[in-house]
Amino acid sequence: MHLMYTLDNQGKRVYTLKKVQGAEVTKSAHPARFSPDDKYSRHRVTLKKRYGLLITQQSTLYHRLQPTYYSTNH
């Protein structure tokens, strides 16, 4: 048994152990397996370069920076 999910009307995940819930096929709630021997990384990098999606090709690094919350009353 694997944990599965479907999306409700609000877009939130509803978890279940069933493969089919109602008339809807559920999706796996587990991430894909990671392999250090990535056969297709060269192709992904080539496509990202072609379409300007590499981090080094972006003008701002807003997605890397996390907002810092701190108190000004030290």
Protein backbone atom coordinates (compact mmCIF):
# COMPACT_ATOMS: atom_id res chain seq x y z
CA MET A 1 0.00 0.00 0.00
CA HIS A 2 1.24 3.43 -0.90
CA LEU A 3 -0.09 6.79 0.11
CA MET A 4 -2.05 8.35 -2.75
CA TYR A 5 -3.91 11.65 -3.17
CA THR A 6 -6.50 13.49 -5.23
CA LEU A 7 -7.27 17.19 -5.38
CA ASP A 8 -10.49 18.55 -3.94
CA ASN A 9 -12.50 21.53 -5.25
CA GLN A 10 -10.20 24.01 -3.48
CA GLY A 11 -7.04 22.46 -4.89
CA LYS A 12 -5.99 20.85 -1.60
CA ARG A 13 -4.74 17.29 -1.43
CA VAL A 14 -7.01 14.58 -0.06
CA TYR A 15 -4.95 11.54 0.96
CA THR A 16 -6.10 7.94 0.57
CA LEU A 17 -4.73 4.42 0.14
CA LYS A 18 -6.96 3.64 -2.84
CA LYS A 19 -5.73 3.62 -6.46
CA VAL A 20 -9.08 4.92 -7.74
CA GLN A 21 -11.39 7.14 -5.73
CA GLY A 22 -14.80 7.66 -7.28
CA ALA A 23 -14.18 8.12 -11.00
CA GLU A 24 -10.79 9.77 -10.45
CA VAL A 25 -7.42 8.02 -10.59
CA THR A 26 -5.27 8.98 -7.60
CA LYS A 27 -1.64 10.13 -7.80
CA SER A 28 1.28 8.94 -5.72
CA ALA A 29 2.09 11.12 -2.71
CA HIS A 30 5.70 9.92 -2.68
CA PRO A 31 8.52 11.75 -4.51
CA ALA A 32 10.27 10.14 -7.45
CA ARG A 33 13.35 8.09 -6.74
CA PHE A 34 16.65 9.93 -6.81
CA SER A 35 19.56 8.49 -8.71
CA PRO A 36 23.03 10.07 -8.67
CA ASP A 37 23.56 8.46 -12.08
CA ASP A 38 21.32 10.89 -13.95
CA LYS A 39 21.27 9.86 -17.60
CA TYR A 40 19.30 12.87 -18.83
CA SER A 41 20.87 15.81 -16.96
CA ARG A 42 22.77 16.93 -20.08
CA HIS A 43 19.51 17.21 -22.01
CA ARG A 44 17.76 19.13 -19.22
CA VAL A 45 20.61 21.63 -18.98
CA THR A 46 20.64 22.07 -22.77
CA LEU A 47 16.90 22.82 -22.81
CA LYS A 48 17.18 25.22 -19.87
CA LYS A 49 20.01 27.09 -21.63
CA ARG A 50 18.00 27.25 -24.86
CA TYR A 51 14.93 28.75 -23.17
CA GLY A 52 16.77 30.96 -20.65
CA LEU A 53 15.65 29.06 -17.57
CA LEU A 54 19.01 28.57 -15.87
CA ILE A 55 19.48 30.43 -12.59
CA THR A 56 22.56 32.15 -14.03
CA GLN A 57 20.46 33.52 -16.90
CA GLN A 58 17.90 35.20 -14.65
CA SER A 59 18.14 38.89 -13.88
CA THR A 60 17.20 38.71 -10.20
CA LEU A 61 17.82 36.05 -7.63
CA TYR A 62 14.53 36.60 -5.82
CA HIS A 63 13.77 32.88 -5.65
CA ARG A 64 16.98 32.17 -3.73
CA LEU A 65 16.57 34.91 -1.14
CA GLN A 66 14.38 34.17 1.84
CA PRO A 67 12.85 37.10 3.73
CA THR A 68 14.58 37.75 7.03
CA TYR A 69 12.29 38.38 9.95
CA TYR A 70 13.92 39.90 12.97
CA SER A 71 13.04 42.25 15.75
CA THR A 72 14.37 45.81 15.59
CA ASN A 73 14.29 46.03 19.40
CA HIS A 74 17.57 44.29 20.24
